[in-house]
């Protein structure tokens, strides 16, 4: 079962943060997310806040011939009350092809993905490099005393990972579901550590809210940066 489908289930959820995942949206799945950060890593300017919105959908069957995930990102969310007022004048398109594969011993599910982030952009995103990546992810159950914790392990390489998504680098993430409401994860992106937690409200299936502390070891900044996001996924656009 794909990771996004598992995120719709009322049980502890294995997650990843900050890195491309080997899992992706399958046919019928739609998702939307909005994110805010207190520091724009692309400008490096003090107190330069930033926000973005992403819309995505899946097509195909990752259990058979494979599936494709399509994501359109709006990286300029300025309004008349915030920023320069030019909403949507910057953005990009990303594609991911993914298929379930045989995992390592103990895997409940595993998937391999090939994708390109920032494949096509408009506005200032045209100045950023494309990130061509290969990612492998698997979900396994790990025993912790009397508790079984679902764990998501992701490993991969991308052409724009290090130096704040500009240089090639390896990436990895390990995350686990602590309770049906809370999951935590840590990630490595070439030269940056990210630590995050995701909350899943029981009153709204498919919804989540995440807080990530990026550049936790301060290799690319003096204080790191906080990323807050909210997401919603549902199944049904092809039905």
Protein backbone atom coordinates (compact mmCIF):
# COMPACT_ATOMS: atom_id res chain seq x y z
CA UNK A 1 0.00 0.00 0.00
CA UNK A 2 1.32 3.44 -0.88
CA UNK A 3 2.50 5.78 1.87
CA UNK A 4 -0.18 8.40 1.14
CA UNK A 5 -2.87 5.72 1.35
CA UNK A 6 -1.49 4.61 4.71
CA UNK A 7 -1.65 8.19 5.93
CA UNK A 8 -5.43 7.99 5.52
CA UNK A 9 -5.66 5.11 8.00
CA UNK A 10 -6.44 5.61 11.74
CA UNK A 11 -3.26 3.95 13.08
CA UNK A 12 0.34 4.97 13.84
CA UNK A 13 1.88 6.19 10.59
CA UNK A 14 5.43 5.84 9.30
CA UNK A 15 6.57 9.12 7.77
CA UNK A 16 9.57 10.85 6.22
CA UNK A 17 10.48 14.53 6.34
CA UNK A 18 12.34 16.84 4.00
CA UNK A 19 13.40 14.28 1.39
CA UNK A 20 11.93 12.83 -1.82
CA UNK A 21 10.11 9.58 -1.00
CA UNK A 22 10.15 6.30 -2.88
CA UNK A 23 6.39 6.17 -2.34
CA UNK A 24 3.95 8.40 -4.19
CA UNK A 25 0.33 9.06 -5.01
CA UNK A 26 -1.48 6.35 -6.95
CA UNK A 27 -4.48 6.63 -9.24
CA UNK A 28 -7.34 8.56 -7.66
CA UNK A 29 -5.39 10.27 -4.91
CA UNK A 30 -5.35 14.06 -4.63
CA UNK A 31 -3.49 16.17 -2.11
CA UNK A 32 -2.93 19.82 -1.29
CA UNK A 33 -0.50 21.41 1.15
CA UNK A 34 0.50 24.86 2.32
CA UNK A 35 3.81 25.66 4.01
CA UNK A 36 5.41 28.60 5.82
CA UNK A 37 9.02 29.13 6.84
CA UNK A 38 10.54 31.90 8.92
CA UNK A 39 13.64 31.96 6.69
CA UNK A 40 13.78 31.75 2.90
CA UNK A 41 16.86 29.57 2.18
CA UNK A 42 17.06 30.83 -1.40
CA UNK A 43 17.69 34.45 -0.43
CA UNK A 44 19.58 34.01 2.85
CA UNK A 45 18.27 37.40 3.97
CA UNK A 46 17.50 37.92 7.66
CA UNK A 47 13.78 37.87 8.54
CA UNK A 48 12.86 36.96 4.97
CA UNK A 49 9.78 34.79 5.52
CA UNK A 50 8.43 32.58 2.76
CA UNK A 51 5.40 30.46 1.93
CA UNK A 52 4.22 28.03 -0.73
CA UNK A 53 1.25 25.96 -1.83
CA UNK A 54 1.35 22.62 -3.64
CA UNK A 55 -1.33 20.65 -5.47
CA UNK A 56 -0.79 17.04 -6.51
CA UNK A 57 -2.50 13.97 -7.89
CA UNK A 58 -1.66 10.41 -8.79
CA UNK A 59 -2.33 8.30 -11.84
CA UNK A 60 -1.71 4.59 -12.42
CA UNK A 61 -1.13 1.52 -10.28
CA UNK A 62 2.19 1.24 -8.39
CA UNK A 63 1.51 -2.46 -7.76
CA UNK A 64 1.51 -3.24 -11.49
CA UNK A 65 2.81 -1.07 -14.32
CA UNK A 66 3.73 1.79 -12.00
CA UNK A 67 2.24 5.17 -11.19
CA UNK A 68 3.03 8.82 -11.73
CA UNK A 69 2.65 11.65 -9.24
CA UNK A 70 2.20 15.18 -10.59
CA UNK A 71 2.79 18.18 -8.34
CA UNK A 72 2.26 21.84 -9.16
CA UNK A 73 3.85 24.21 -6.68
CA UNK A 74 3.12 27.90 -6.20
CA UNK A 75 6.18 29.35 -4.52
CA UNK A 76 4.97 32.96 -4.46
CA UNK A 77 2.00 33.39 -2.11
CA UNK A 78 2.25 37.13 -1.60
CA UNK A 79 -1.00 39.05 -1.20
CA UNK A 80 -2.01 42.67 -0.79
CA UNK A 81 -1.38 42.23 2.96
CA UNK A 82 1.90 40.27 2.77
CA UNK A 83 4.89 40.51 0.47
CA UNK A 84 4.92 42.17 -2.93
CA UNK A 85 1.29 41.32 -3.75
CA UNK A 86 2.10 39.19 -6.81
CA UNK A 87 0.43 35.91 -5.88
CA UNK A 88 1.36 32.99 -8.11
CA UNK A 89 4.02 34.71 -10.19
CA UNK A 90 6.52 32.00 -9.23
CA UNK A 91 6.07 28.24 -9.29
CA UNK A 92 7.06 24.92 -10.78
CA UNK A 93 6.03 21.45 -11.87
CA UNK A 94 7.41 18.17 -10.55
CA UNK A 95 6.94 14.57 -11.72
CA UNK A 96 7.61 11.30 -9.95
CA UNK A 97 7.39 7.78 -11.39
CA UNK A 98 7.12 5.11 -8.71
CA UNK A 99 6.52 1.39 -8.41
CA UNK A 100 6.36 -1.04 -5.52
CA UNK A 101 9.34 -3.40 -5.32
CA UNK A 102 10.70 -6.17 -3.14
CA UNK A 103 11.95 -4.57 0.07
CA UNK A 104 14.73 -5.45 2.45
CA UNK A 105 14.08 -8.24 4.98
CA UNK A 106 11.14 -7.38 7.24
CA UNK A 107 9.56 -4.84 4.87
CA UNK A 108 5.78 -4.48 4.92
CA UNK A 109 5.91 -2.37 1.74
CA UNK A 110 8.69 -0.91 -0.40
CA UNK A 111 8.81 1.39 -3.40
CA UNK A 112 11.35 2.79 -5.84
CA UNK A 113 10.89 6.22 -7.41
CA UNK A 114 12.51 8.29 -10.13
CA UNK A 115 11.54 11.93 -10.23
CA UNK A 116 12.39 15.43 -11.31
CA UNK A 117 11.63 18.40 -9.10
CA UNK A 118 11.38 21.86 -10.65
CA UNK A 119 11.05 20.19 -14.04
CA UNK A 120 9.34 23.28 -15.45
CA UNK A 121 9.20 26.60 -13.66
CA UNK A 122 8.02 30.14 -14.05
CA UNK A 123 9.20 33.31 -12.40
CA UNK A 124 12.38 33.11 -10.32
CA UNK A 125 12.14 29.32 -9.98
CA UNK A 126 13.60 29.15 -13.51
CA UNK A 127 16.90 30.18 -11.95
CA UNK A 128 16.92 27.16 -9.62
CA UNK A 129 18.34 23.80 -10.76
CA UNK A 130 16.21 20.77 -11.54
CA UNK A 131 16.48 18.02 -8.96
CA UNK A 132 16.67 14.66 -10.70
CA UNK A 133 16.53 11.98 -8.02
CA UNK A 134 16.26 8.27 -7.32
CA UNK A 135 14.69 7.23 -4.01
CA UNK A 136 13.98 3.93 -2.26
CA UNK A 137 11.58 3.74 0.68
CA UNK A 138 10.26 0.92 2.78
CA UNK A 139 7.93 0.56 5.75
CA UNK A 140 8.73 -2.02 8.43
CA UNK A 141 7.34 -2.85 11.85
CA UNK A 142 9.86 -2.50 14.68
CA UNK A 143 9.29 -3.91 18.16
CA UNK A 144 9.88 -1.58 21.12
CA UNK A 145 9.04 -3.65 24.15
CA UNK A 146 5.34 -4.47 23.92
CA UNK A 147 4.81 -1.80 21.28
CA UNK A 148 5.04 -2.21 17.52
CA UNK A 149 6.22 0.96 15.76
CA UNK A 150 5.88 1.35 11.98
CA UNK A 151 9.12 2.78 10.62
CA UNK A 152 9.73 4.42 7.25
CA UNK A 153 13.29 4.26 5.90
CA UNK A 154 14.20 6.31 2.82
CA UNK A 155 17.53 6.41 0.97
CA UNK A 156 18.39 8.20 -2.25
CA UNK A 157 20.50 10.51 -4.36
CA UNK A 158 19.56 13.74 -6.09
CA UNK A 159 21.21 16.26 -8.39
CA UNK A 160 20.07 19.25 -6.28
CA UNK A 161 20.09 18.21 -2.62
CA UNK A 162 23.07 19.76 -0.84
CA UNK A 163 23.70 23.48 -0.37
CA UNK A 164 19.98 24.20 0.02
CA UNK A 165 18.82 22.27 -3.07
CA UNK A 166 21.62 23.39 -5.38
CA UNK A 167 24.32 20.68 -5.44
CA UNK A 168 24.26 16.88 -5.84
CA UNK A 169 24.07 14.82 -2.69
CA UNK A 170 22.79 11.77 -0.87
CA UNK A 171 19.71 11.92 1.31
CA UNK A 172 18.10 9.72 3.93
CA UNK A 173 15.21 9.79 6.38
CA UNK A 174 13.98 7.60 9.24
CA UNK A 175 10.56 8.17 10.75
CA UNK A 176 8.13 6.30 12.94
CA UNK A 177 4.56 6.42 14.15
CA UNK A 178 4.49 7.00 17.91
CA UNK A 179 0.70 7.12 18.28
CA UNK A 180 -2.21 7.30 15.79
CA UNK A 181 -1.99 11.08 16.23
CA UNK A 182 1.77 11.71 16.22
CA UNK A 183 4.75 10.67 14.10
CA UNK A 184 8.36 11.88 14.21
CA UNK A 185 11.28 11.71 11.79
CA UNK A 186 14.84 12.86 11.17
CA UNK A 187 16.45 13.43 7.76
CA UNK A 188 19.83 14.10 6.17
CA UNK A 189 20.00 16.13 2.95
CA UNK A 190 23.60 16.14 1.76
CA UNK A 191 24.83 18.66 4.33
CA UNK A 192 21.73 19.45 6.39
CA UNK A 193 19.86 17.75 9.22
CA UNK A 194 16.10 18.17 9.54
CA UNK A 195 13.96 17.02 12.47
CA UNK A 196 10.19 16.97 12.23
CA UNK A 197 6.91 15.91 13.80
CA UNK A 198 3.54 15.38 12.13
CA UNK A 199 0.16 15.54 13.87
CA UNK A 200 -2.84 13.68 12.42
CA UNK A 201 -6.17 14.98 13.81
CA UNK A 202 -8.61 12.13 14.39
CA UNK A 203 -11.60 14.31 13.54
CA UNK A 204 -10.43 14.79 9.92
CA UNK A 205 -9.16 11.75 8.04
CA UNK A 206 -6.47 12.62 5.50
CA UNK A 207 -5.43 15.86 7.20
CA UNK A 208 -2.09 16.53 8.87
CA UNK A 209 -0.03 19.35 10.33
CA UNK A 210 3.75 19.26 10.47
CA UNK A 211 6.54 21.22 12.14
CA UNK A 212 10.12 20.77 10.92
CA UNK A 213 13.34 22.26 12.23
CA UNK A 214 15.59 22.49 9.17
CA UNK A 215 19.36 22.92 9.21
CA UNK A 216 19.31 21.74 12.82
CA UNK A 217 23.13 21.67 13.03
CA UNK A 218 23.41 25.20 11.52
CA UNK A 219 25.70 24.27 8.64
CA UNK A 220 23.83 26.49 6.17
CA UNK A 221 22.60 29.20 8.56
CA UNK A 222 23.20 30.77 11.95
CA UNK A 223 19.98 29.60 13.56
CA UNK A 224 18.28 27.03 11.34
CA UNK A 225 14.74 27.59 10.12
CA UNK A 226 11.27 26.51 11.12
CA UNK A 227 8.88 25.05 8.53
CA UNK A 228 5.18 24.71 9.35
CA UNK A 229 2.83 22.98 6.94
CA UNK A 230 -0.72 21.67 6.70
CA UNK A 231 -1.85 19.02 4.23
CA UNK A 232 -4.94 17.18 3.14
CA UNK A 233 -5.19 14.07 0.96
CA UNK A 234 -8.25 12.24 -0.32
CA UNK A 235 -9.09 9.43 -2.69
CA UNK A 236 -11.64 9.87 -5.43
CA UNK A 237 -10.76 12.17 -8.32
CA UNK A 238 -11.05 9.31 -10.85
CA UNK A 239 -14.25 7.85 -9.41
